[in-house]
Amino acid sequence: MIKYKTPEEVELLRKSSLLVSKTLATVAAAIKPGITTLSLDQLAETCIRDHGGKPAFKGYKGFPFTLCISVNAHVVHGFPSQYEIRDGDIVSVDCGVLMNNYYGDSAFTFPVGLVQPEVMQLLSVTKQSLYKGIEKVVSGGRLGDVSEAIQNHAESFGFGVVRELVGHGIGKNLHEAPEVPNFGRKGSGPKLSDGLVIAIEPMINLGRRNVKQERDGWTISTIDGKPSAHFEHTVAVKGDKADILSSFAEIESELLKQGIEF
């Protein structure tokens, strides 16, 4: 059952979401060749707890870390480890926060050093597809409008849209109804009404759309070993324009300091 949020609840969700954004910006400032993904995880946990939040993912269904960190061909749900990030890697960082009994959820894929042009295009198009979907988050629309917009944009560049994993509603639970696929048909699915809060998160592959699960029981990888990108915002339906509760502004500001823009 879909749970619609009051304006007061939306503001609590915004606070949690903006702490996620601040945490991802902290990661953006630290990420570089030679740093381990586990170090980034520890940095993120400190940031969240210092600002009065709790890591939403840690302990969720047994997940043992604060961040999901997925490098290159890993799509989502990767484990932080002693892996040292290398020049040319792309690193998807997914973060969740619980604060004041409400969750925030957002993700960003970081290019590190000199990344291949076709992989930079994948990052750019995946981020664009997220905003194409958000443009369709309007009261009176349908969830399928969001899904179709994401799929059409990504596939127009020849990229593969992951189907096994989807976005979701969010509130007092990390995952609520409805599911938000990144593929679909315009005019289909639940009606969008004010107070609906969803996490939209396109997962787009450079090659085939198919994925597999690794032996750790969590990490999802592309079937063909080609890179995958992942971007996510938490958004609320509000009239004729979506209210984006998370933010990439601070993240992108940190990347600009490093000469990275896409």
C-alpha atoms as a PDB file:
ATOM      1  CA  MET A   1       0.000   0.000   0.000  1.00  0.00           C
ATOM      2  CA  ILE A   2       1.322   3.449  -0.930  1.00  0.00           C
ATOM      3  CA  LYS A   3       1.801   5.776   2.053  1.00  0.00           C
ATOM      4  CA  TYR A   4       1.373   9.453   1.215  1.00  0.00           C
ATOM      5  CA  LYS A   5       3.358  11.953   3.286  1.00  0.00           C
ATOM      6  CA  THR A   6       2.198  15.163   4.921  1.00  0.00           C
ATOM      7  CA  PRO A   7       4.178  18.362   4.240  1.00  0.00           C
ATOM      8  CA  GLU A   8       5.730  17.966   7.711  1.00  0.00           C
ATOM      9  CA  GLU A   9       6.861  14.435   6.884  1.00  0.00           C
ATOM     10  CA  VAL A  10       8.310  15.607   3.568  1.00  0.00           C
ATOM     11  CA  GLU A  11      10.470  18.106   5.469  1.00  0.00           C
ATOM     12  CA  LEU A  12      11.775  15.340   7.749  1.00  0.00           C
ATOM     13  CA  LEU A  13      12.560  13.261   4.668  1.00  0.00           C
ATOM     14  CA  ARG A  14      14.369  16.271   3.207  1.00  0.00           C
ATOM     15  CA  LYS A  15      16.589  16.554   6.301  1.00  0.00           C
ATOM     16  CA  SER A  16      17.583  12.907   6.045  1.00  0.00           C
ATOM     17  CA  SER A  17      18.127  13.192   2.297  1.00  0.00           C
ATOM     18  CA  LEU A  18      20.311  16.278   2.629  1.00  0.00           C
ATOM     19  CA  LEU A  19      22.489  14.502   5.187  1.00  0.00           C
ATOM     20  CA  VAL A  20      22.957  11.757   2.592  1.00  0.00           C
ATOM     21  CA  SER A  21      23.968  14.457   0.100  1.00  0.00           C
ATOM     22  CA  LYS A  22      26.448  15.978   2.566  1.00  0.00           C
ATOM     23  CA  THR A  23      27.918  12.520   3.178  1.00  0.00           C
ATOM     24  CA  LEU A  24      28.323  11.888  -0.550  1.00  0.00           C
ATOM     25  CA  ALA A  25      30.023  15.291  -0.868  1.00  0.00           C
ATOM     26  CA  THR A  26      32.456  14.208   1.865  1.00  0.00           C
ATOM     27  CA  VAL A  27      33.186  11.102  -0.220  1.00  0.00           C
ATOM     28  CA  ALA A  28      33.607  13.297  -3.318  1.00  0.00           C
ATOM     29  CA  ALA A  29      36.278  15.345  -1.548  1.00  0.00           C
ATOM     30  CA  ALA A  30      38.205  12.235  -0.478  1.00  0.00           C
ATOM     31  CA  ILE A  31      37.931   9.883  -3.442  1.00  0.00           C
ATOM     32  CA  LYS A  32      41.181   9.520  -5.393  1.00  0.00           C
ATOM     33  CA  PRO A  33      43.524   6.833  -6.695  1.00  0.00           C
ATOM     34  CA  GLY A  34      45.048   4.811  -3.843  1.00  0.00           C
ATOM     35  CA  ILE A  35      42.266   5.276  -1.268  1.00  0.00           C
ATOM     36  CA  THR A  36      40.473   2.099  -0.209  1.00  0.00           C
ATOM     37  CA  THR A  37      36.719   1.786  -0.521  1.00  0.00           C
ATOM     38  CA  LEU A  38      36.641   0.751   3.153  1.00  0.00           C
ATOM     39  CA  SER A  39      38.236   4.090   4.093  1.00  0.00           C
ATOM     40  CA  LEU A  40      35.431   5.892   2.261  1.00  0.00           C
ATOM     41  CA  ASP A  41      32.887   3.781   4.145  1.00  0.00           C
ATOM     42  CA  GLN A  42      34.392   4.731   7.499  1.00  0.00           C
ATOM     43  CA  LEU A  43      34.487   8.401   6.493  1.00  0.00           C
ATOM     44  CA  ALA A  44      30.800   8.265   5.571  1.00  0.00           C
ATOM     45  CA  GLU A  45      29.758   6.613   8.825  1.00  0.00           C
ATOM     46  CA  THR A  46      31.585   9.273  10.836  1.00  0.00           C
ATOM     47  CA  CYS A  47      29.917  12.063   8.833  1.00  0.00           C
ATOM     48  CA  ILE A  48      26.435  10.598   9.326  1.00  0.00           C
ATOM     49  CA  ARG A  49      26.827  10.003  13.064  1.00  0.00           C
ATOM     50  CA  ASP A  50      28.471  13.406  13.651  1.00  0.00           C
ATOM     51  CA  HIS A  51      25.369  15.051  12.175  1.00  0.00           C
ATOM     52  CA  GLY A  52      22.901  13.107  14.313  1.00  0.00           C
ATOM     53  CA  GLY A  53      21.941  10.391  11.853  1.00  0.00           C
ATOM     54  CA  LYS A  54      22.339   6.635  11.627  1.00  0.00           C
ATOM     55  CA  PRO A  55      23.624   4.726   8.581  1.00  0.00           C
ATOM     56  CA  ALA A  56      20.462   3.273   7.043  1.00  0.00           C
ATOM     57  CA  PHE A  57      22.143   0.402   5.242  1.00  0.00           C
ATOM     58  CA  LYS A  58      24.291  -0.918   8.097  1.00  0.00           C
ATOM     59  CA  GLY A  59      22.544  -4.012   9.430  1.00  0.00           C
ATOM     60  CA  TYR A  60      19.718  -3.749   6.877  1.00  0.00           C
ATOM     61  CA  LYS A  61      18.885  -7.383   6.051  1.00  0.00           C
ATOM     62  CA  GLY A  62      22.392  -8.186   7.282  1.00  0.00           C
ATOM     63  CA  PHE A  63      24.295  -5.703   5.086  1.00  0.00           C
ATOM     64  CA  PRO A  64      27.498  -4.999   7.059  1.00  0.00           C
ATOM     65  CA  PHE A  65      28.526  -1.520   5.852  1.00  0.00           C
ATOM     66  CA  THR A  66      27.410   2.125   5.743  1.00  0.00           C
ATOM     67  CA  LEU A  67      27.837   2.510   1.971  1.00  0.00           C
ATOM     68  CA  CYS A  68      27.225   0.338  -1.036  1.00  0.00           C
ATOM     69  CA  ILE A  69      30.347   0.924  -3.151  1.00  0.00           C
ATOM     70  CA  SER A  70      30.312  -0.602  -6.624  1.00  0.00           C
ATOM     71  CA  VAL A  71      33.341  -0.203  -8.884  1.00  0.00           C
ATOM     72  CA  ASN A  72      33.329  -0.461 -12.706  1.00  0.00           C
ATOM     73  CA  ALA A  73      31.369  -3.612 -13.689  1.00  0.00           C
ATOM     74  CA  HIS A  74      29.712  -3.822 -10.274  1.00  0.00           C
ATOM     75  CA  VAL A  75      26.240  -2.311 -10.648  1.00  0.00           C
ATOM     76  CA  VAL A  76      25.019  -1.920  -7.044  1.00  0.00           C
ATOM     77  CA  HIS A  77      25.277  -3.341  -3.512  1.00  0.00           C
ATOM     78  CA  GLY A  78      29.073  -3.693  -3.585  1.00  0.00           C
ATOM     79  CA  PHE A  79      30.948  -4.261  -0.324  1.00  0.00           C
ATOM     80  CA  PRO A  80      33.538  -1.704   0.813  1.00  0.00           C
ATOM     81  CA  SER A  81      36.908  -3.466   1.104  1.00  0.00           C
ATOM     82  CA  GLN A  82      40.671  -3.043   0.991  1.00  0.00           C
ATOM     83  CA  TYR A  83      40.399  -2.464  -2.764  1.00  0.00           C
ATOM     84  CA  GLU A  84      42.468   0.600  -3.683  1.00  0.00           C
ATOM     85  CA  ILE A  85      40.697   2.819  -6.200  1.00  0.00           C
ATOM     86  CA  ARG A  86      42.650   3.194  -9.426  1.00  0.00           C
ATOM     87  CA  ASP A  87      43.004   5.887 -12.036  1.00  0.00           C
ATOM     88  CA  GLY A  88      40.291   5.325 -14.651  1.00  0.00           C
ATOM     89  CA  ASP A  89      37.805   3.647 -12.281  1.00  0.00           C
ATOM     90  CA  ILE A  90      34.190   4.672 -11.912  1.00  0.00           C
ATOM     91  CA  VAL A  91      32.838   4.256  -8.403  1.00  0.00           C
ATOM     92  CA  SER A  92      29.122   4.119  -7.597  1.00  0.00           C
ATOM     93  CA  VAL A  93      28.434   5.203  -4.017  1.00  0.00           C
ATOM     94  CA  ASP A  94      24.949   4.584  -2.623  1.00  0.00           C
ATOM     95  CA  CYS A  95      24.150   6.002   0.812  1.00  0.00           C
ATOM     96  CA  GLY A  96      21.168   5.952   3.145  1.00  0.00           C
ATOM     97  CA  VAL A  97      20.442   7.799   6.388  1.00  0.00           C
ATOM     98  CA  LEU A  98      17.893   7.336   9.155  1.00  0.00           C
ATOM     99  CA  MET A  99      17.160  10.481  11.137  1.00  0.00           C
ATOM    100  CA  ASN A 100      14.051  11.547  13.098  1.00  0.00           C
ATOM    101  CA  ASN A 101      12.485   8.180  12.122  1.00  0.00           C
ATOM    102  CA  TYR A 102      12.639   9.004   8.387  1.00  0.00           C
ATOM    103  CA  TYR A 103      14.980   7.744   5.689  1.00  0.00           C
ATOM    104  CA  GLY A 104      16.990   9.461   2.976  1.00  0.00           C
ATOM    105  CA  ASP A 105      18.567   7.658   0.019  1.00  0.00           C
ATOM    106  CA  SER A 106      20.771   8.901  -2.812  1.00  0.00           C
ATOM    107  CA  ALA A 107      23.592   7.658  -5.049  1.00  0.00           C
ATOM    108  CA  PHE A 108      26.269   9.138  -7.291  1.00  0.00           C
ATOM    109  CA  THR A 109      28.836   7.529  -9.582  1.00  0.00           C
ATOM    110  CA  PHE A 110      32.267   9.152  -9.417  1.00  0.00           C
ATOM    111  CA  PRO A 111      34.848   9.135 -12.217  1.00  0.00           C
ATOM    112  CA  VAL A 112      38.381   8.848 -10.839  1.00  0.00           C
ATOM    113  CA  GLY A 113      41.316  10.200 -12.827  1.00  0.00           C
ATOM    114  CA  LEU A 114      41.375   9.686 -16.574  1.00  0.00           C
ATOM    115  CA  VAL A 115      38.203   7.784 -17.502  1.00  0.00           C
ATOM    116  CA  GLN A 116      37.559   6.466 -21.022  1.00  0.00           C
ATOM    117  CA  PRO A 117      35.336   8.818 -23.109  1.00  0.00           C
ATOM    118  CA  GLU A 118      32.618   6.192 -23.680  1.00  0.00           C
ATOM    119  CA  VAL A 119      32.458   5.560 -19.919  1.00  0.00           C
ATOM    120  CA  MET A 120      32.202   9.300 -19.208  1.00  0.00           C
ATOM    121  CA  GLN A 121      29.329   9.375 -21.683  1.00  0.00           C
ATOM    122  CA  LEU A 122      27.678   6.539 -19.748  1.00  0.00           C
ATOM    123  CA  LEU A 123      27.922   8.594 -16.539  1.00  0.00           C
ATOM    124  CA  SER A 124      26.537  11.693 -18.218  1.00  0.00           C
ATOM    125  CA  VAL A 125      23.631   9.880 -19.886  1.00  0.00           C
ATOM    126  CA  THR A 126      22.722   7.971 -16.709  1.00  0.00           C
ATOM    127  CA  LYS A 127      22.580  11.203 -14.716  1.00  0.00           C
ATOM    128  CA  GLN A 128      20.562  12.847 -17.513  1.00  0.00           C
ATOM    129  CA  SER A 129      18.140   9.899 -17.516  1.00  0.00           C
ATOM    130  CA  LEU A 130      17.542  10.415 -13.787  1.00  0.00           C
ATOM    131  CA  TYR A 131      16.499  14.018 -14.434  1.00  0.00           C
ATOM    132  CA  LYS A 132      14.410  12.977 -17.468  1.00  0.00           C
ATOM    133  CA  GLY A 133      12.489  10.724 -15.092  1.00  0.00           C
ATOM    134  CA  ILE A 134      12.180  13.437 -12.447  1.00  0.00           C
ATOM    135  CA  GLU A 135      10.641  15.778 -15.058  1.00  0.00           C
ATOM    136  CA  LYS A 136       7.710  13.332 -15.254  1.00  0.00           C
ATOM    137  CA  VAL A 137       7.084  13.395 -11.491  1.00  0.00           C
ATOM    138  CA  VAL A 138       3.944  15.523 -11.646  1.00  0.00           C
ATOM    139  CA  SER A 139       0.648  15.236  -9.840  1.00  0.00           C
ATOM    140  CA  GLY A 140      -1.858  13.382 -12.022  1.00  0.00           C
ATOM    141  CA  GLY A 141       0.804  11.582 -14.039  1.00  0.00           C
ATOM    142  CA  ARG A 142       1.603   7.888 -13.948  1.00  0.00           C
ATOM    143  CA  LEU A 143       4.634   6.061 -12.645  1.00  0.00           C
ATOM    144  CA  GLY A 144       5.098   4.534 -16.086  1.00  0.00           C
ATOM    145  CA  ASP A 145       5.752   8.047 -17.459  1.00  0.00           C
ATOM    146  CA  VAL A 146       8.822   8.261 -15.205  1.00  0.00           C
ATOM    147  CA  SER A 147      10.017   4.786 -16.150  1.00  0.00           C
ATOM    148  CA  GLU A 148       9.566   5.322 -19.881  1.00  0.00           C
ATOM    149  CA  ALA A 149      11.440   8.639 -19.848  1.00  0.00           C
ATOM    150  CA  ILE A 150      14.456   7.001 -18.172  1.00  0.00           C
ATOM    151  CA  GLN A 151      14.436   4.008 -20.509  1.00  0.00           C
ATOM    152  CA  ASN A 152      14.028   6.012 -23.702  1.00  0.00           C
ATOM    153  CA  HIS A 153      16.886   8.362 -22.907  1.00  0.00           C
ATOM    154  CA  ALA A 154      19.345   5.648 -21.901  1.00  0.00           C
ATOM    155  CA  GLU A 155      18.476   3.311 -24.761  1.00  0.00           C
ATOM    156  CA  SER A 156      18.707   6.106 -27.329  1.00  0.00           C
ATOM    157  CA  PHE A 157      22.468   5.995 -26.680  1.00  0.00           C
ATOM    158  CA  GLY A 158      22.600   2.223 -27.013  1.00  0.00           C
ATOM    159  CA  PHE A 159      23.028   1.558 -23.291  1.00  0.00           C
ATOM    160  CA  GLY A 160      21.452  -1.310 -21.345  1.00  0.00           C
ATOM    161  CA  VAL A 161      18.786  -0.539 -18.726  1.00  0.00           C
ATOM    162  CA  VAL A 162      18.935  -2.914 -15.749  1.00  0.00           C
ATOM    163  CA  ARG A 163      15.531  -4.475 -15.080  1.00  0.00           C
ATOM    164  CA  GLU A 164      16.133  -6.690 -12.071  1.00  0.00           C
ATOM    165  CA  LEU A 165      16.638  -3.746  -9.698  1.00  0.00           C
ATOM    166  CA  VAL A 166      14.324  -0.770  -9.288  1.00  0.00           C
ATOM    167  CA  GLY A 167      13.702   2.403  -7.317  1.00  0.00           C
ATOM    168  CA  HIS A 168      11.169   2.529  -4.504  1.00  0.00           C
ATOM    169  CA  GLY A 169       8.927   4.491  -2.220  1.00  0.00           C
ATOM    170  CA  ILE A 170      10.585   5.781   0.938  1.00  0.00           C
ATOM    171  CA  GLY A 171       9.461   7.132   4.309  1.00  0.00           C
ATOM    172  CA  LYS A 172       9.556   5.539   7.759  1.00  0.00           C
ATOM    173  CA  ASN A 173      10.798   2.465   5.910  1.00  0.00           C
ATOM    174  CA  LEU A 174      13.790   2.433   3.575  1.00  0.00           C
ATOM    175  CA  HIS A 175      11.828   0.539   0.937  1.00  0.00           C
ATOM    176  CA  GLU A 176       8.103   1.179   0.551  1.00  0.00           C
ATOM    177  CA  ALA A 177       5.536   0.829  -2.204  1.00  0.00           C
ATOM    178  CA  PRO A 178       5.558   1.550  -5.069  1.00  0.00           C
ATOM    179  CA  GLU A 179       8.457  -0.004  -6.962  1.00  0.00           C
ATOM    180  CA  VAL A 180       9.939   2.458  -9.496  1.00  0.00           C
ATOM    181  CA  PRO A 181      11.291   0.583 -12.542  1.00  0.00           C
ATOM    182  CA  ASN A 182      13.703   2.270 -14.949  1.00  0.00           C
ATOM    183  CA  PHE A 183      11.789   0.827 -17.894  1.00  0.00           C
ATOM    184  CA  GLY A 184       8.102   0.938 -18.686  1.00  0.00           C
ATOM    185  CA  ARG A 185       5.201   2.256 -20.683  1.00  0.00           C
ATOM    186  CA  LYS A 186       3.808   5.788 -20.607  1.00  0.00           C
ATOM    187  CA  GLY A 187       0.382   6.007 -18.962  1.00  0.00           C
ATOM    188  CA  SER A 188       0.811   2.790 -16.982  1.00  0.00           C
ATOM    189  CA  GLY A 189       1.325   2.138 -13.280  1.00  0.00           C
ATOM    190  CA  PRO A 190       0.083   3.919 -10.152  1.00  0.00           C
ATOM    191  CA  LYS A 191      -1.143   7.485 -10.359  1.00  0.00           C
ATOM    192  CA  LEU A 192       1.227  10.144  -9.015  1.00  0.00           C
ATOM    193  CA  SER A 193      -0.360  12.251  -6.267  1.00  0.00           C
ATOM    194  CA  ASP A 194       0.952  14.944  -3.947  1.00  0.00           C
ATOM    195  CA  GLY A 195       2.689  13.438  -0.923  1.00  0.00           C
ATOM    196  CA  LEU A 196       4.142  10.451  -2.751  1.00  0.00           C
ATOM    197  CA  VAL A 197       7.880  10.232  -2.046  1.00  0.00           C
ATOM    198  CA  ILE A 198      10.019   7.955  -4.196  1.00  0.00           C
ATOM    199  CA  ALA A 199      13.682   7.167  -4.721  1.00  0.00           C
ATOM    200  CA  ILE A 200      14.386   7.153  -8.464  1.00  0.00           C
ATOM    201  CA  GLU A 201      17.628   5.351  -9.331  1.00  0.00           C
ATOM    202  CA  PRO A 202      18.556   4.458 -12.900  1.00  0.00           C
ATOM    203  CA  MET A 203      21.172   1.707 -13.167  1.00  0.00           C
ATOM    204  CA  ILE A 204      22.519   1.800 -16.711  1.00  0.00           C
ATOM    205  CA  ASN A 205      25.103  -0.496 -18.322  1.00  0.00           C
ATOM    206  CA  LEU A 206      27.599   0.341 -21.045  1.00  0.00           C
ATOM    207  CA  GLY A 207      26.873  -3.035 -22.659  1.00  0.00           C
ATOM    208  CA  ARG A 208      24.082  -5.570 -22.191  1.00  0.00           C
ATOM    209  CA  ARG A 209      21.356  -4.925 -19.626  1.00  0.00           C
ATOM    210  CA  ASN A 210      21.763  -8.355 -18.008  1.00  0.00           C
ATOM    211  CA  VAL A 211      23.264  -8.725 -14.532  1.00  0.00           C
ATOM    212  CA  LYS A 212      24.398 -11.461 -12.144  1.00  0.00           C
ATOM    213  CA  GLN A 213      24.843 -11.776  -8.376  1.00  0.00           C
ATOM    214  CA  GLU A 214      28.320 -12.344  -6.953  1.00  0.00           C
ATOM    215  CA  ARG A 215      29.170 -15.000  -4.350  1.00  0.00           C
ATOM    216  CA  ASP A 216      28.929 -12.545  -1.436  1.00  0.00           C
ATOM    217  CA  GLY A 217      25.154 -12.667  -1.920  1.00  0.00           C
ATOM    218  CA  TRP A 218      24.923  -8.888  -2.345  1.00  0.00           C
ATOM    219  CA  THR A 219      27.063  -7.464  -5.146  1.00  0.00           C
ATOM    220  CA  ILE A 220      25.339  -7.209  -8.531  1.00  0.00           C
ATOM    221  CA  SER A 221      27.586  -7.141 -11.622  1.00  0.00           C
ATOM    222  CA  THR A 222      27.094  -6.754 -15.350  1.00  0.00           C
ATOM    223  CA  ILE A 223      26.957 -10.081 -17.176  1.00  0.00           C
ATOM    224  CA  ASP A 224      29.460  -8.922 -19.814  1.00  0.00           C
ATOM    225  CA  GLY A 225      31.955  -7.272 -17.461  1.00  0.00           C
ATOM    226  CA  LYS A 226      31.379  -3.797 -18.904  1.00  0.00           C
ATOM    227  CA  PRO A 227      30.973  -0.747 -16.617  1.00  0.00           C
ATOM    228  CA  SER A 228      27.694   0.335 -15.060  1.00  0.00           C
ATOM    229  CA  ALA A 229      26.555   3.699 -13.676  1.00  0.00           C
ATOM    230  CA  HIS A 230      24.026   4.531 -10.946  1.00  0.00           C
ATOM    231  CA  PHE A 231      22.511   7.842  -9.849  1.00  0.00           C
ATOM    232  CA  GLU A 232      19.671   8.333  -7.363  1.00  0.00           C
ATOM    233  CA  HIS A 233      17.539  11.124  -5.940  1.00  0.00           C
ATOM    234  CA  THR A 234      14.746  11.070  -3.366  1.00  0.00           C
ATOM    235  CA  VAL A 235      11.855  13.148  -4.729  1.00  0.00           C
ATOM    236  CA  ALA A 236       8.351  14.157  -3.649  1.00  0.00           C
ATOM    237  CA  VAL A 237       5.353  14.674  -5.906  1.00  0.00           C
ATOM    238  CA  LYS A 238       4.278  18.298  -5.548  1.00  0.00           C
ATOM    239  CA  GLY A 239       1.973  19.783  -8.147  1.00  0.00           C
ATOM    240  CA  ASP A 240       3.418  20.227 -11.616  1.00  0.00           C
ATOM    241  CA  LYS A 241       7.089  20.049 -10.592  1.00  0.00           C
ATOM    242  CA  ALA A 242       8.924  17.444  -8.520  1.00  0.00           C
ATOM    243  CA  ASP A 243      10.404  18.486  -5.191  1.00  0.00           C
ATOM    244  CA  ILE A 244      13.914  16.969  -5.160  1.00  0.00           C
ATOM    245  CA  LEU A 245      14.718  16.284  -1.500  1.00  0.00           C
ATOM    246  CA  SER A 246      18.342  15.189  -2.002  1.00  0.00           C
ATOM    247  CA  SER A 247      20.956  17.299  -3.801  1.00  0.00           C
ATOM    248  CA  PHE A 248      23.992  16.859  -6.047  1.00  0.00           C
ATOM    249  CA  ALA A 249      25.055  20.529  -5.713  1.00  0.00           C
ATOM    250  CA  GLU A 250      27.700  20.038  -3.008  1.00  0.00           C
ATOM    251  CA  ILE A 251      28.962  16.836  -4.647  1.00  0.00           C
ATOM    252  CA  GLU A 252      29.363  18.522  -8.030  1.00  0.00           C
ATOM    253  CA  SER A 253      31.042  21.523  -6.376  1.00  0.00           C
ATOM    254  CA  GLU A 254      33.663  19.176  -4.885  1.00  0.00           C
ATOM    255  CA  LEU A 255      34.185  17.520  -8.265  1.00  0.00           C
ATOM    256  CA  LEU A 256      34.600  20.903  -9.958  1.00  0.00           C
ATOM    257  CA  LYS A 257      37.507  21.632  -7.608  1.00  0.00           C
ATOM    258  CA  GLN A 258      39.133  18.549  -9.141  1.00  0.00           C
ATOM    259  CA  GLY A 259      38.334  19.724 -12.678  1.00  0.00           C
ATOM    260  CA  ILE A 260      35.577  17.127 -13.144  1.00  0.00           C
ATOM    261  CA  GLU A 261      32.295  18.126 -14.759  1.00  0.00           C
ATOM    262  CA  PHE A 262      29.785  16.023 -16.674  1.00  0.00           C
END
